[in-house]
Amino acid sequence: MTLARAAAAELIGTALLVATVIGSGIMATRLSPDDVGLQLLQNSLATGAVLVALILTLQPVSAAFNPVVSLVEALLGRITARTAAVLAVAQVVGAIAGAVLANLMFDLDAVSVATTDRTGSHLWLAEAVATFGLVVVVFGGIRTGRSETLAFAVGGYIAAAYWFTSSTSFANPAVTVGRIFSDTFAGIDPASVAMFVVMQLVGALVAYGAVRLLFPEETSA
């Protein structure tokens, strides 16, 4: 497995993920303009479904689509720090590309800086919780030899986390950055991004400790 192939898979996968998050949000607001709950349902189902498809397809190459997942992979010794850094860059570039693609597919300006304010301690806590849960789900599957079920576990968790977290579970620094570039349903004001990313990192590091505690050794199913 070459690093170039892994980075390409991460860029493509993250781009399609963000295009789905933003595109389904735009479609939802157009189809159900007066029902925010229905909009969130449509958005969450599309996101969960595309995660299943993308992970199943790209997992043989690389399918983290998330810098904090790559970070924890490095902390667990599964990849090097250099590889994690390269993959994180690819994920962020892919996320921005996905936002631009979503905008263009819906005949909007290629880039529009989001104005949706997402600040507050309750949202920051939600991001830590959402990211904690995601990382535990991912590495709980990996370290117990159940990688073949990972796509369904991650897709299901994210679809659920849209609903049980007040932040609607960004849980991903790359996706958070990408969502700056679309002033639509899924957007986030740039001023809100720093604390989201900080709390995602906090959630990931706490989850790393939980993974080491719960699954101390990598085993086969």
N, C-alpha and C. Protein backbone atom coordinates (compact mmCIF):
# COMPACT_ATOMS: atom_id res chain seq x y z
N MET A 1 0.84 -1.19 0.00
CA MET A 1 0.00 0.00 0.00
C MET A 1 0.88 1.24 0.00
N THR A 2 0.80 2.05 -1.04
CA THR A 2 1.60 3.26 -1.08
C THR A 2 0.87 4.40 -0.38
N LEU A 3 1.67 5.33 0.14
CA LEU A 3 1.07 6.48 0.80
C LEU A 3 0.27 7.31 -0.18
N ALA A 4 0.74 7.39 -1.42
CA ALA A 4 0.01 8.17 -2.43
C ALA A 4 -1.38 7.59 -2.67
N ARG A 5 -1.47 6.27 -2.74
CA ARG A 5 -2.79 5.64 -2.93
C ARG A 5 -3.69 5.89 -1.73
N ALA A 6 -3.13 5.76 -0.54
CA ALA A 6 -3.92 5.99 0.67
C ALA A 6 -4.42 7.44 0.72
N ALA A 7 -3.54 8.38 0.39
CA ALA A 7 -3.93 9.79 0.40
C ALA A 7 -5.01 10.07 -0.63
N ALA A 8 -4.90 9.45 -1.80
CA ALA A 8 -5.91 9.63 -2.84
C ALA A 8 -7.26 9.09 -2.38
N ALA A 9 -7.24 7.93 -1.72
CA ALA A 9 -8.49 7.35 -1.22
C ALA A 9 -9.11 8.25 -0.16
N GLU A 10 -8.28 8.81 0.72
CA GLU A 10 -8.79 9.70 1.76
C GLU A 10 -9.36 10.98 1.16
N LEU A 11 -8.67 11.53 0.16
CA LEU A 11 -9.16 12.75 -0.49
C LEU A 11 -10.50 12.50 -1.18
N ILE A 12 -10.58 11.44 -1.96
CA ILE A 12 -11.81 11.14 -2.69
C ILE A 12 -12.94 10.81 -1.72
N GLY A 13 -12.66 9.97 -0.74
CA GLY A 13 -13.70 9.58 0.21
C GLY A 13 -14.22 10.75 1.01
N THR A 14 -13.32 11.60 1.49
CA THR A 14 -13.75 12.75 2.29
C THR A 14 -14.51 13.74 1.43
N ALA A 15 -14.08 13.91 0.17
CA ALA A 15 -14.80 14.81 -0.74
C ALA A 15 -16.23 14.33 -0.95
N LEU A 16 -16.41 13.04 -1.18
CA LEU A 16 -17.76 12.51 -1.41
C LEU A 16 -18.59 12.57 -0.13
N LEU A 17 -17.94 12.36 1.01
CA LEU A 17 -18.66 12.46 2.29
C LEU A 17 -19.18 13.88 2.50
N VAL A 18 -18.33 14.88 2.32
CA VAL A 18 -18.75 16.26 2.54
C VAL A 18 -19.75 16.70 1.48
N ALA A 19 -19.56 16.25 0.25
CA ALA A 19 -20.55 16.57 -0.79
C ALA A 19 -21.92 16.02 -0.41
N THR A 20 -21.94 14.86 0.23
CA THR A 20 -23.20 14.28 0.67
C THR A 20 -23.80 15.06 1.84
N VAL A 21 -22.96 15.39 2.82
CA VAL A 21 -23.45 16.14 3.99
C VAL A 21 -24.07 17.47 3.54
N ILE A 22 -23.34 18.21 2.72
CA ILE A 22 -23.82 19.52 2.30
C ILE A 22 -24.92 19.39 1.25
N GLY A 23 -24.72 18.53 0.27
CA GLY A 23 -25.72 18.39 -0.79
C GLY A 23 -27.06 17.90 -0.28
N SER A 24 -27.04 16.92 0.62
CA SER A 24 -28.32 16.43 1.15
C SER A 24 -28.98 17.49 2.03
N GLY A 25 -28.17 18.32 2.68
CA GLY A 25 -28.73 19.43 3.45
C GLY A 25 -29.43 20.44 2.56
N ILE A 26 -28.80 20.76 1.43
CA ILE A 26 -29.42 21.68 0.48
C ILE A 26 -30.71 21.09 -0.08
N MET A 27 -30.64 19.83 -0.50
CA MET A 27 -31.83 19.17 -1.05
C MET A 27 -32.94 19.12 -0.02
N ALA A 28 -32.60 18.82 1.23
CA ALA A 28 -33.61 18.74 2.29
C ALA A 28 -34.31 20.07 2.49
N THR A 29 -33.55 21.16 2.49
CA THR A 29 -34.19 22.46 2.72
C THR A 29 -35.07 22.86 1.54
N ARG A 30 -34.74 22.37 0.36
CA ARG A 30 -35.57 22.68 -0.81
C ARG A 30 -36.83 21.83 -0.86
N LEU A 31 -36.71 20.57 -0.47
CA LEU A 31 -37.87 19.67 -0.52
C LEU A 31 -38.80 19.85 0.68
N SER A 32 -38.21 20.20 1.83
CA SER A 32 -39.00 20.32 3.07
C SER A 32 -38.69 21.66 3.73
N PRO A 33 -39.02 22.77 3.08
CA PRO A 33 -38.57 24.07 3.56
C PRO A 33 -39.14 24.49 4.91
N ASP A 34 -40.24 23.89 5.33
CA ASP A 34 -40.90 24.33 6.56
C ASP A 34 -40.79 23.33 7.71
N ASP A 35 -39.93 22.32 7.56
CA ASP A 35 -39.85 21.27 8.58
C ASP A 35 -38.38 20.95 8.86
N VAL A 36 -37.82 21.60 9.88
CA VAL A 36 -36.40 21.43 10.18
C VAL A 36 -36.11 20.01 10.65
N GLY A 37 -37.05 19.41 11.38
CA GLY A 37 -36.85 18.04 11.83
C GLY A 37 -36.74 17.08 10.67
N LEU A 38 -37.58 17.24 9.67
CA LEU A 38 -37.52 16.39 8.48
C LEU A 38 -36.23 16.65 7.71
N GLN A 39 -35.79 17.90 7.67
CA GLN A 39 -34.53 18.22 7.01
C GLN A 39 -33.37 17.47 7.67
N LEU A 40 -33.35 17.45 9.00
CA LEU A 40 -32.28 16.76 9.71
C LEU A 40 -32.36 15.26 9.48
N LEU A 41 -33.56 14.72 9.43
CA LEU A 41 -33.72 13.29 9.16
C LEU A 41 -33.16 12.94 7.79
N GLN A 42 -33.51 13.72 6.79
CA GLN A 42 -33.01 13.47 5.44
C GLN A 42 -31.49 13.57 5.39
N ASN A 43 -30.95 14.59 6.04
CA ASN A 43 -29.51 14.81 6.08
C ASN A 43 -28.79 13.66 6.78
N SER A 44 -29.33 13.21 7.90
CA SER A 44 -28.67 12.16 8.67
C SER A 44 -28.73 10.81 7.96
N LEU A 45 -29.84 10.51 7.33
CA LEU A 45 -29.94 9.23 6.61
C LEU A 45 -28.97 9.18 5.43
N ALA A 46 -28.87 10.29 4.71
CA ALA A 46 -27.95 10.33 3.57
C ALA A 46 -26.50 10.19 4.04
N THR A 47 -26.16 10.85 5.13
CA THR A 47 -24.79 10.80 5.63
C THR A 47 -24.45 9.40 6.13
N GLY A 48 -25.33 8.80 6.90
CA GLY A 48 -25.08 7.44 7.38
C GLY A 48 -24.94 6.45 6.24
N ALA A 49 -25.79 6.58 5.22
CA ALA A 49 -25.76 5.65 4.09
C ALA A 49 -24.47 5.81 3.29
N VAL A 50 -24.05 7.06 3.05
CA VAL A 50 -22.85 7.24 2.23
C VAL A 50 -21.61 6.77 2.99
N LEU A 51 -21.60 6.90 4.31
CA LEU A 51 -20.47 6.37 5.07
C LEU A 51 -20.35 4.86 4.91
N VAL A 52 -21.47 4.16 4.96
CA VAL A 52 -21.43 2.71 4.74
C VAL A 52 -20.84 2.40 3.37
N ALA A 53 -21.33 3.06 2.34
CA ALA A 53 -20.87 2.80 0.98
C ALA A 53 -19.39 3.13 0.80
N LEU A 54 -18.97 4.29 1.30
CA LEU A 54 -17.59 4.72 1.11
C LEU A 54 -16.61 3.85 1.89
N ILE A 55 -16.95 3.49 3.12
CA ILE A 55 -16.04 2.65 3.91
C ILE A 55 -15.94 1.26 3.29
N LEU A 56 -17.06 0.68 2.88
CA LEU A 56 -17.01 -0.63 2.24
C LEU A 56 -16.14 -0.60 0.98
N THR A 57 -16.24 0.48 0.22
CA THR A 57 -15.51 0.56 -1.04
C THR A 57 -14.02 0.85 -0.84
N LEU A 58 -13.69 1.79 0.03
CA LEU A 58 -12.32 2.27 0.13
C LEU A 58 -11.52 1.66 1.28
N GLN A 59 -12.15 0.89 2.12
CA GLN A 59 -11.45 0.31 3.27
C GLN A 59 -10.21 -0.50 2.88
N PRO A 60 -10.22 -1.23 1.76
CA PRO A 60 -8.99 -1.96 1.39
C PRO A 60 -7.80 -1.04 1.09
N VAL A 61 -8.06 0.23 0.82
CA VAL A 61 -6.98 1.19 0.56
C VAL A 61 -6.78 2.07 1.78
N SER A 62 -7.76 2.91 2.10
CA SER A 62 -7.74 3.76 3.31
C SER A 62 -9.08 4.43 3.43
N ALA A 63 -9.70 4.38 4.60
CA ALA A 63 -11.06 4.88 4.74
C ALA A 63 -11.31 5.49 6.11
N ALA A 64 -10.39 6.34 6.55
CA ALA A 64 -10.62 7.04 7.82
C ALA A 64 -11.50 8.26 7.61
N PHE A 65 -11.19 9.06 6.57
CA PHE A 65 -11.93 10.28 6.22
C PHE A 65 -11.99 11.28 7.37
N ASN A 66 -11.05 11.18 8.30
CA ASN A 66 -11.17 11.96 9.53
C ASN A 66 -9.80 12.09 10.20
N PRO A 67 -9.27 13.30 10.35
CA PRO A 67 -7.95 13.45 10.95
C PRO A 67 -7.82 12.88 12.36
N VAL A 68 -8.89 12.92 13.16
CA VAL A 68 -8.74 12.38 14.51
C VAL A 68 -8.67 10.85 14.49
N VAL A 69 -9.30 10.22 13.53
CA VAL A 69 -9.17 8.77 13.39
C VAL A 69 -7.74 8.43 12.97
N SER A 70 -7.19 9.20 12.04
CA SER A 70 -5.79 8.99 11.64
C SER A 70 -4.84 9.25 12.79
N LEU A 71 -5.14 10.26 13.61
CA LEU A 71 -4.32 10.55 14.79
C LEU A 71 -4.30 9.37 15.74
N VAL A 72 -5.46 8.82 16.04
CA VAL A 72 -5.52 7.70 16.97
C VAL A 72 -4.86 6.46 16.37
N GLU A 73 -4.99 6.28 15.06
CA GLU A 73 -4.25 5.20 14.40
C GLU A 73 -2.75 5.33 14.66
N ALA A 74 -2.24 6.56 14.56
CA ALA A 74 -0.82 6.78 14.81
C ALA A 74 -0.47 6.52 16.27
N LEU A 75 -1.31 6.98 17.19
CA LEU A 75 -1.05 6.77 18.61
C LEU A 75 -1.04 5.28 18.96
N LEU A 76 -1.83 4.51 18.25
CA LEU A 76 -1.90 3.06 18.49
C LEU A 76 -0.82 2.29 17.72
N GLY A 77 -0.01 3.03 16.95
CA GLY A 77 1.08 2.40 16.23
C GLY A 77 0.67 1.69 14.95
N ARG A 78 -0.51 1.96 14.46
CA ARG A 78 -0.97 1.33 13.23
C ARG A 78 -0.39 2.01 11.99
N ILE A 79 -0.14 3.32 12.08
CA ILE A 79 0.50 4.08 11.01
C ILE A 79 1.51 5.02 11.65
N THR A 80 2.41 5.58 10.83
CA THR A 80 3.40 6.52 11.36
C THR A 80 2.79 7.91 11.49
N ALA A 81 3.46 8.75 12.27
CA ALA A 81 3.01 10.13 12.41
C ALA A 81 3.03 10.84 11.07
N ARG A 82 4.06 10.56 10.26
CA ARG A 82 4.15 11.19 8.93
C ARG A 82 2.96 10.78 8.06
N THR A 83 2.61 9.51 8.09
CA THR A 83 1.46 9.04 7.30
C THR A 83 0.18 9.72 7.78
N ALA A 84 0.01 9.81 9.09
CA ALA A 84 -1.19 10.45 9.64
C ALA A 84 -1.27 11.90 9.18
N ALA A 85 -0.14 12.61 9.16
CA ALA A 85 -0.14 14.00 8.74
C ALA A 85 -0.51 14.14 7.27
N VAL A 86 0.06 13.28 6.44
CA VAL A 86 -0.26 13.32 5.00
C VAL A 86 -1.74 13.02 4.77
N LEU A 87 -2.25 12.03 5.46
CA LEU A 87 -3.66 11.67 5.30
C LEU A 87 -4.57 12.80 5.79
N ALA A 88 -4.18 13.47 6.87
CA ALA A 88 -4.98 14.58 7.39
C ALA A 88 -5.06 15.72 6.37
N VAL A 89 -3.94 16.01 5.73
CA VAL A 89 -3.94 17.06 4.69
C VAL A 89 -4.87 16.65 3.55
N ALA A 90 -4.77 15.40 3.12
CA ALA A 90 -5.64 14.91 2.04
C ALA A 90 -7.10 14.99 2.44
N GLN A 91 -7.40 14.68 3.69
CA GLN A 91 -8.78 14.73 4.17
C GLN A 91 -9.32 16.16 4.16
N VAL A 92 -8.51 17.13 4.58
CA VAL A 92 -8.96 18.52 4.59
C VAL A 92 -9.15 19.04 3.18
N VAL A 93 -8.22 18.73 2.29
CA VAL A 93 -8.35 19.15 0.88
C VAL A 93 -9.60 18.52 0.28
N GLY A 94 -9.82 17.25 0.56
CA GLY A 94 -11.01 16.58 0.05
C GLY A 94 -12.28 17.19 0.57
N ALA A 95 -12.29 17.56 1.85
CA ALA A 95 -13.48 18.17 2.45
C ALA A 95 -13.82 19.49 1.78
N ILE A 96 -12.82 20.32 1.52
CA ILE A 96 -13.07 21.60 0.85
C ILE A 96 -13.56 21.35 -0.57
N ALA A 97 -12.95 20.40 -1.27
CA ALA A 97 -13.39 20.07 -2.63
C ALA A 97 -14.83 19.57 -2.63
N GLY A 98 -15.19 18.77 -1.63
CA GLY A 98 -16.56 18.26 -1.54
C GLY A 98 -17.57 19.36 -1.33
N ALA A 99 -17.21 20.37 -0.54
CA ALA A 99 -18.11 21.51 -0.33
C ALA A 99 -18.32 22.28 -1.63
N VAL A 100 -17.24 22.50 -2.36
CA VAL A 100 -17.35 23.20 -3.64
C VAL A 100 -18.22 22.41 -4.62
N LEU A 101 -18.00 21.10 -4.68
CA LEU A 101 -18.81 20.26 -5.57
C LEU A 101 -20.29 20.33 -5.22
N ALA A 102 -20.60 20.25 -3.94
CA ALA A 102 -22.00 20.32 -3.52
C ALA A 102 -22.63 21.64 -3.94
N ASN A 103 -21.91 22.74 -3.70
CA ASN A 103 -22.43 24.05 -4.10
C ASN A 103 -22.72 24.09 -5.61
N LEU A 104 -21.77 23.61 -6.39
CA LEU A 104 -21.93 23.67 -7.85
C LEU A 104 -23.06 22.77 -8.33
N MET A 105 -23.22 21.61 -7.70
CA MET A 105 -24.29 20.70 -8.13
C MET A 105 -25.67 21.29 -7.92
N PHE A 106 -25.78 22.23 -6.97
CA PHE A 106 -27.07 22.86 -6.71
C PHE A 106 -27.13 24.29 -7.23
N ASP A 107 -26.26 24.56 -8.21
CA ASP A 107 -26.27 25.85 -8.92
C ASP A 107 -26.08 27.03 -7.98
N LEU A 108 -25.21 26.85 -6.99
CA LEU A 108 -24.84 27.93 -6.08
C LEU A 108 -23.42 28.39 -6.42
N ASP A 109 -23.01 29.51 -5.84
CA ASP A 109 -21.62 29.92 -5.99
C ASP A 109 -20.71 28.80 -5.52
N ALA A 110 -19.58 28.63 -6.21
CA ALA A 110 -18.66 27.55 -5.86
C ALA A 110 -18.25 27.62 -4.39
N VAL A 111 -18.03 28.81 -3.89
CA VAL A 111 -17.67 29.02 -2.49
C VAL A 111 -18.55 30.12 -1.90
N SER A 112 -19.16 29.84 -0.77
CA SER A 112 -19.88 30.86 -0.01
C SER A 112 -19.57 30.60 1.46
N VAL A 113 -18.99 31.56 2.12
CA VAL A 113 -18.56 31.37 3.51
C VAL A 113 -19.80 31.29 4.41
N ALA A 114 -19.86 30.22 5.20
CA ALA A 114 -21.03 29.96 6.04
C ALA A 114 -21.19 31.03 7.11
N THR A 115 -22.42 31.31 7.46
CA THR A 115 -22.73 32.31 8.49
C THR A 115 -23.48 31.70 9.68
N THR A 116 -23.65 30.38 9.69
CA THR A 116 -24.37 29.73 10.79
C THR A 116 -23.49 29.68 12.03
N ASP A 117 -23.87 30.42 13.05
CA ASP A 117 -23.11 30.45 14.29
C ASP A 117 -23.37 29.18 15.09
N ARG A 118 -22.31 28.51 15.49
CA ARG A 118 -22.43 27.28 16.28
C ARG A 118 -21.48 27.40 17.47
N THR A 119 -21.85 28.24 18.41
CA THR A 119 -21.01 28.43 19.60
C THR A 119 -21.81 28.13 20.85
N GLY A 120 -21.12 27.80 21.91
CA GLY A 120 -21.77 27.52 23.18
C GLY A 120 -21.20 26.27 23.82
N SER A 121 -21.11 26.27 25.14
CA SER A 121 -20.50 25.15 25.85
C SER A 121 -21.25 23.84 25.61
N HIS A 122 -22.56 23.92 25.41
CA HIS A 122 -23.33 22.69 25.17
C HIS A 122 -22.94 22.06 23.83
N LEU A 123 -22.68 22.88 22.82
CA LEU A 123 -22.27 22.37 21.52
C LEU A 123 -20.85 21.81 21.58
N TRP A 124 -19.97 22.48 22.34
CA TRP A 124 -18.60 21.99 22.47
C TRP A 124 -18.57 20.65 23.19
N LEU A 125 -19.38 20.52 24.23
CA LEU A 125 -19.48 19.23 24.92
C LEU A 125 -20.00 18.16 23.96
N ALA A 126 -21.00 18.53 23.17
CA ALA A 126 -21.57 17.57 22.22
C ALA A 126 -20.53 17.08 21.22
N GLU A 127 -19.65 17.98 20.78
CA GLU A 127 -18.62 17.56 19.84
C GLU A 127 -17.62 16.60 20.48
N ALA A 128 -17.28 16.85 21.73
CA ALA A 128 -16.38 15.92 22.43
C ALA A 128 -17.03 14.55 22.57
N VAL A 129 -18.31 14.54 22.94
CA VAL A 129 -19.04 13.27 23.10
C VAL A 129 -19.17 12.55 21.77
N ALA A 130 -19.55 13.28 20.73
CA ALA A 130 -19.73 12.68 19.41
C ALA A 130 -18.44 12.06 18.91
N THR A 131 -17.34 12.77 19.08
CA THR A 131 -16.06 12.27 18.59
C THR A 131 -15.56 11.10 19.44
N PHE A 132 -15.76 11.20 20.74
CA PHE A 132 -15.42 10.08 21.63
C PHE A 132 -16.11 8.80 21.16
N GLY A 133 -17.41 8.89 20.96
CA GLY A 133 -18.17 7.71 20.56
C GLY A 133 -17.72 7.16 19.22
N LEU A 134 -17.46 8.05 18.27
CA LEU A 134 -17.03 7.60 16.95
C LEU A 134 -15.71 6.85 17.03
N VAL A 135 -14.75 7.40 17.75
CA VAL A 135 -13.44 6.75 17.84
C VAL A 135 -13.54 5.40 18.55
N VAL A 136 -14.34 5.32 19.60
CA VAL A 136 -14.52 4.04 20.29
C VAL A 136 -15.17 3.01 19.36
N VAL A 137 -16.16 3.44 18.60
CA VAL A 137 -16.82 2.53 17.65
C VAL A 137 -15.81 2.03 16.60
N VAL A 138 -15.04 2.94 16.04
CA VAL A 138 -14.08 2.57 14.99
C VAL A 138 -13.05 1.57 15.52
N PHE A 139 -12.39 1.93 16.62
CA PHE A 139 -11.28 1.08 17.08
C PHE A 139 -11.75 -0.10 17.92
N GLY A 140 -12.97 -0.04 18.44
CA GLY A 140 -13.52 -1.23 19.05
C GLY A 140 -13.70 -2.33 18.02
N GLY A 141 -14.16 -1.93 16.82
CA GLY A 141 -14.29 -2.91 15.74
C GLY A 141 -12.95 -3.41 15.24
N ILE A 142 -12.02 -2.48 15.03
CA ILE A 142 -10.71 -2.85 14.48
C ILE A 142 -9.95 -3.75 15.43
N ARG A 143 -9.90 -3.39 16.71
CA ARG A 143 -9.05 -4.11 17.65
C ARG A 143 -9.64 -5.44 18.11
N THR A 144 -10.89 -5.71 17.74
CA THR A 144 -11.47 -7.02 18.04
C THR A 144 -11.69 -7.83 16.76
N GLY A 145 -11.03 -7.42 15.68
CA GLY A 145 -11.04 -8.21 14.45
C GLY A 145 -12.36 -8.22 13.71
N ARG A 146 -13.13 -7.14 13.84
CA ARG A 146 -14.43 -7.09 13.16
C ARG A 146 -14.48 -5.96 12.14
N SER A 147 -13.40 -5.78 11.40
CA SER A 147 -13.32 -4.69 10.44
C SER A 147 -14.39 -4.77 9.36
N GLU A 148 -14.86 -5.98 9.09
CA GLU A 148 -15.88 -6.14 8.05
C GLU A 148 -17.22 -5.52 8.46
N THR A 149 -17.42 -5.29 9.74
CA THR A 149 -18.67 -4.68 10.20
C THR A 149 -18.54 -3.17 10.42
N LEU A 150 -17.34 -2.65 10.22
CA LEU A 150 -17.05 -1.27 10.59
C LEU A 150 -17.91 -0.27 9.83
N ALA A 151 -18.12 -0.50 8.55
CA ALA A 151 -18.89 0.44 7.75
C ALA A 151 -20.29 0.63 8.32
N PHE A 152 -20.92 -0.45 8.72
CA PHE A 152 -22.28 -0.37 9.24
C PHE A 152 -22.30 0.26 10.63
N ALA A 153 -21.29 -0.06 11.44
CA ALA A 153 -21.22 0.53 12.78
C ALA A 153 -21.02 2.04 12.70
N VAL A 154 -20.11 2.48 11.84
CA VAL A 154 -19.83 3.92 11.72
C VAL A 154 -21.02 4.65 11.11
N GLY A 155 -21.58 4.11 10.03
CA GLY A 155 -22.74 4.74 9.42
C GLY A 155 -23.90 4.85 10.38
N GLY A 156 -24.15 3.79 11.13
CA GLY A 156 -25.24 3.82 12.10
C GLY A 156 -24.98 4.79 13.24
N TYR A 157 -23.74 4.81 13.72
CA TYR A 157 -23.42 5.71 14.82
C TYR A 157 -23.59 7.17 14.41
N ILE A 158 -23.07 7.54 13.24
CA ILE A 158 -23.16 8.94 12.82
C ILE A 158 -24.61 9.34 12.55
N ALA A 159 -25.39 8.44 11.94
CA ALA A 159 -26.80 8.76 11.71
C ALA A 159 -27.52 9.01 13.04
N ALA A 160 -27.19 8.21 14.04
CA ALA A 160 -27.80 8.39 15.37
C ALA A 160 -27.29 9.65 16.05
N ALA A 161 -25.99 9.91 15.92
CA ALA A 161 -25.38 11.05 16.61
C ALA A 161 -25.87 12.39 16.08
N TYR A 162 -26.33 12.43 14.83
CA TYR A 162 -27.00 13.64 14.34
C TYR A 162 -28.14 14.04 15.28
N TRP A 163 -28.76 13.03 15.88
CA TRP A 163 -29.97 13.26 16.68
C TRP A 163 -29.70 13.37 18.16
N PHE A 164 -28.73 12.64 18.69
CA PHE A 164 -28.58 12.67 20.15
C PHE A 164 -27.56 13.70 20.63
N THR A 165 -26.89 14.39 19.70
CA THR A 165 -25.98 15.46 20.11
C THR A 165 -26.55 16.81 19.66
N SER A 166 -26.37 17.82 20.50
CA SER A 166 -26.92 19.14 20.17
C SER A 166 -26.18 19.79 19.01
N SER A 167 -24.97 19.35 18.73
CA SER A 167 -24.17 19.92 17.64
C SER A 167 -24.46 19.26 16.30
N THR A 168 -25.27 18.22 16.29
CA THR A 168 -25.53 17.34 15.14
C THR A 168 -24.28 16.61 14.68
N SER A 169 -23.34 16.42 15.58
CA SER A 169 -22.22 15.49 15.41
C SER A 169 -21.39 15.74 14.16
N PHE A 170 -20.61 16.83 14.17
CA PHE A 170 -19.61 17.00 13.13
C PHE A 170 -18.53 15.91 13.32
N ALA A 171 -17.96 15.84 14.53
CA ALA A 171 -17.05 14.75 14.95
C ALA A 171 -15.88 14.53 14.00
N ASN A 172 -15.44 15.58 13.31
CA ASN A 172 -14.43 15.40 12.26
C ASN A 172 -13.85 16.77 11.90
N PRO A 173 -12.58 17.03 12.22
CA PRO A 173 -12.01 18.34 11.90
C PRO A 173 -12.01 18.67 10.41
N ALA A 174 -11.77 17.68 9.55
CA ALA A 174 -11.75 17.95 8.11
C ALA A 174 -13.15 18.34 7.62
N VAL A 175 -14.15 17.60 8.03
CA VAL A 175 -15.52 17.91 7.64
C VAL A 175 -15.92 19.27 8.20
N THR A 176 -15.50 19.58 9.41
CA THR A 176 -15.81 20.87 10.02
C THR A 176 -15.24 22.00 9.17
N VAL A 177 -13.98 21.88 8.75
CA VAL A 177 -13.37 22.89 7.89
C VAL A 177 -14.09 22.98 6.55
N GLY A 178 -14.41 21.84 5.95
CA GLY A 178 -15.10 21.84 4.67
C GLY A 178 -16.43 22.56 4.73
N ARG A 179 -17.13 22.43 5.84
CA ARG A 179 -18.46 23.02 5.96
C ARG A 179 -18.43 24.54 6.12
N ILE A 180 -17.24 25.10 6.28
CA ILE A 180 -17.10 26.56 6.26
C ILE A 180 -17.50 27.11 4.89
N PHE A 181 -17.26 26.34 3.84
CA PHE A 181 -17.29 26.86 2.47
C PHE A 181 -18.65 26.74 1.78
N SER A 182 -19.70 26.53 2.56
CA SER A 182 -21.05 26.47 2.00
C SER A 182 -22.03 27.10 2.98
N ASP A 183 -22.58 28.24 2.61
CA ASP A 183 -23.51 28.94 3.49
C ASP A 183 -24.91 28.36 3.30
N THR A 184 -25.05 27.11 3.72
CA THR A 184 -26.30 26.36 3.55
C THR A 184 -26.62 25.64 4.85
N PHE A 185 -27.56 24.73 4.80
CA PHE A 185 -28.06 24.03 5.99
C PHE A 185 -26.94 23.45 6.87
N ALA A 186 -25.91 22.89 6.24
CA ALA A 186 -24.85 22.21 6.98
C ALA A 186 -23.66 23.09 7.31
N GLY A 187 -23.71 24.37 6.99
CA GLY A 187 -22.56 25.24 7.15
C GLY A 187 -22.23 25.57 8.59
N ILE A 188 -21.01 26.07 8.78
CA ILE A 188 -20.57 26.52 10.10
C ILE A 188 -19.74 27.78 9.91
N ASP A 189 -20.06 28.80 10.68
CA ASP A 189 -19.32 30.06 10.63
C ASP A 189 -17.85 29.81 11.00
N PRO A 190 -16.92 30.39 10.25
CA PRO A 190 -15.49 30.17 10.55
C PRO A 190 -15.12 30.46 12.00
N ALA A 191 -15.77 31.43 12.61
CA ALA A 191 -15.45 31.77 14.00
C ALA A 191 -15.82 30.65 14.97
N SER A 192 -16.67 29.74 14.56
CA SER A 192 -17.10 28.64 15.43
C SER A 192 -16.20 27.42 15.31
N VAL A 193 -15.32 27.42 14.31
CA VAL A 193 -14.59 26.20 13.97
C VAL A 193 -13.53 25.82 14.99
N ALA A 194 -12.78 26.79 15.48
CA ALA A 194 -11.64 26.47 16.36
C ALA A 194 -12.05 25.64 17.56
N MET A 195 -13.10 26.05 18.26
CA MET A 195 -13.52 25.31 19.45
C MET A 195 -14.10 23.95 19.09
N PHE A 196 -14.77 23.85 17.94
CA PHE A 196 -15.26 22.54 17.50
C PHE A 196 -14.09 21.59 17.33
N VAL A 197 -13.03 22.06 16.65
CA VAL A 197 -11.87 21.20 16.40
C VAL A 197 -11.17 20.85 17.71
N VAL A 198 -11.02 21.82 18.60
CA VAL A 198 -10.39 21.55 19.90
C VAL A 198 -11.14 20.47 20.65
N MET A 199 -12.46 20.57 20.68
CA MET A 199 -13.24 19.60 21.43
C MET A 199 -13.27 18.24 20.74
N GLN A 200 -13.18 18.23 19.42
CA GLN A 200 -13.05 16.96 18.71
C GLN A 200 -11.74 16.26 19.08
N LEU A 201 -10.67 17.04 19.18
CA LEU A 201 -9.39 16.48 19.59
C LEU A 201 -9.46 15.96 21.03
N VAL A 202 -10.11 16.71 21.91
CA VAL A 202 -10.28 16.26 23.29
C VAL A 202 -11.05 14.94 23.33
N GLY A 203 -12.16 14.87 22.61
CA GLY A 203 -12.95 13.65 22.57
C GLY A 203 -12.15 12.48 22.04
N ALA A 204 -11.34 12.73 21.01
CA ALA A 204 -10.54 11.66 20.41
C ALA A 204 -9.47 11.15 21.38
N LEU A 205 -8.83 12.06 22.11
CA LEU A 205 -7.78 11.64 23.04
C LEU A 205 -8.35 10.88 24.24
N VAL A 206 -9.52 11.32 24.72
CA VAL A 206 -10.17 10.55 25.79
C VAL A 206 -10.58 9.17 25.27
N ALA A 207 -11.06 9.12 24.04
CA ALA A 207 -11.44 7.84 23.44
C ALA A 207 -10.23 6.94 23.27
N TYR A 208 -9.08 7.50 22.92
CA TYR A 208 -7.86 6.72 22.81
C TYR A 208 -7.58 5.99 24.13
N GLY A 209 -7.71 6.73 25.24
CA GLY A 209 -7.52 6.10 26.55
C GLY A 209 -8.53 4.99 26.79
N ALA A 210 -9.79 5.23 26.40
CA ALA A 210 -10.83 4.21 26.59
C ALA A 210 -10.56 2.98 25.74
N VAL A 211 -10.08 3.19 24.52
CA VAL A 211 -9.76 2.06 23.64
C VAL A 211 -8.64 1.22 24.24
N ARG A 212 -7.61 1.89 24.77
CA ARG A 212 -6.51 1.14 25.39
C ARG A 212 -6.99 0.36 26.61
N LEU A 213 -7.95 0.91 27.32
CA LEU A 213 -8.49 0.24 28.50
C LEU A 213 -9.40 -0.93 28.12
N LEU A 214 -10.30 -0.68 27.18
CA LEU A 214 -11.31 -1.69 26.83
C LEU A 214 -10.78 -2.77 25.92
N PHE A 215 -9.88 -2.40 25.02
CA PHE A 215 -9.35 -3.34 24.02
C PHE A 215 -7.83 -3.27 24.06
N PRO A 216 -7.20 -3.76 25.12
CA PRO A 216 -5.77 -3.55 25.29
C PRO A 216 -4.91 -4.23 24.22
N GLU A 217 -5.43 -5.29 23.62
CA GLU A 217 -4.65 -5.98 22.58
C GLU A 217 -5.52 -6.15 21.35
N GLU A 218 -4.87 -6.06 20.20
CA GLU A 218 -5.58 -6.31 18.94
C GLU A 218 -5.73 -7.80 18.76
N THR A 219 -6.97 -8.24 18.54
CA THR A 219 -7.23 -9.68 18.41
C THR A 219 -7.97 -9.94 17.11
N SER A 220 -8.09 -11.19 16.76
CA SER A 220 -8.89 -11.58 15.61
C SER A 220 -10.26 -12.02 16.11
N ALA A 221 -11.24 -11.91 15.22
CA ALA A 221 -12.61 -12.24 15.61
C ALA A 221 -12.74 -13.72 15.93
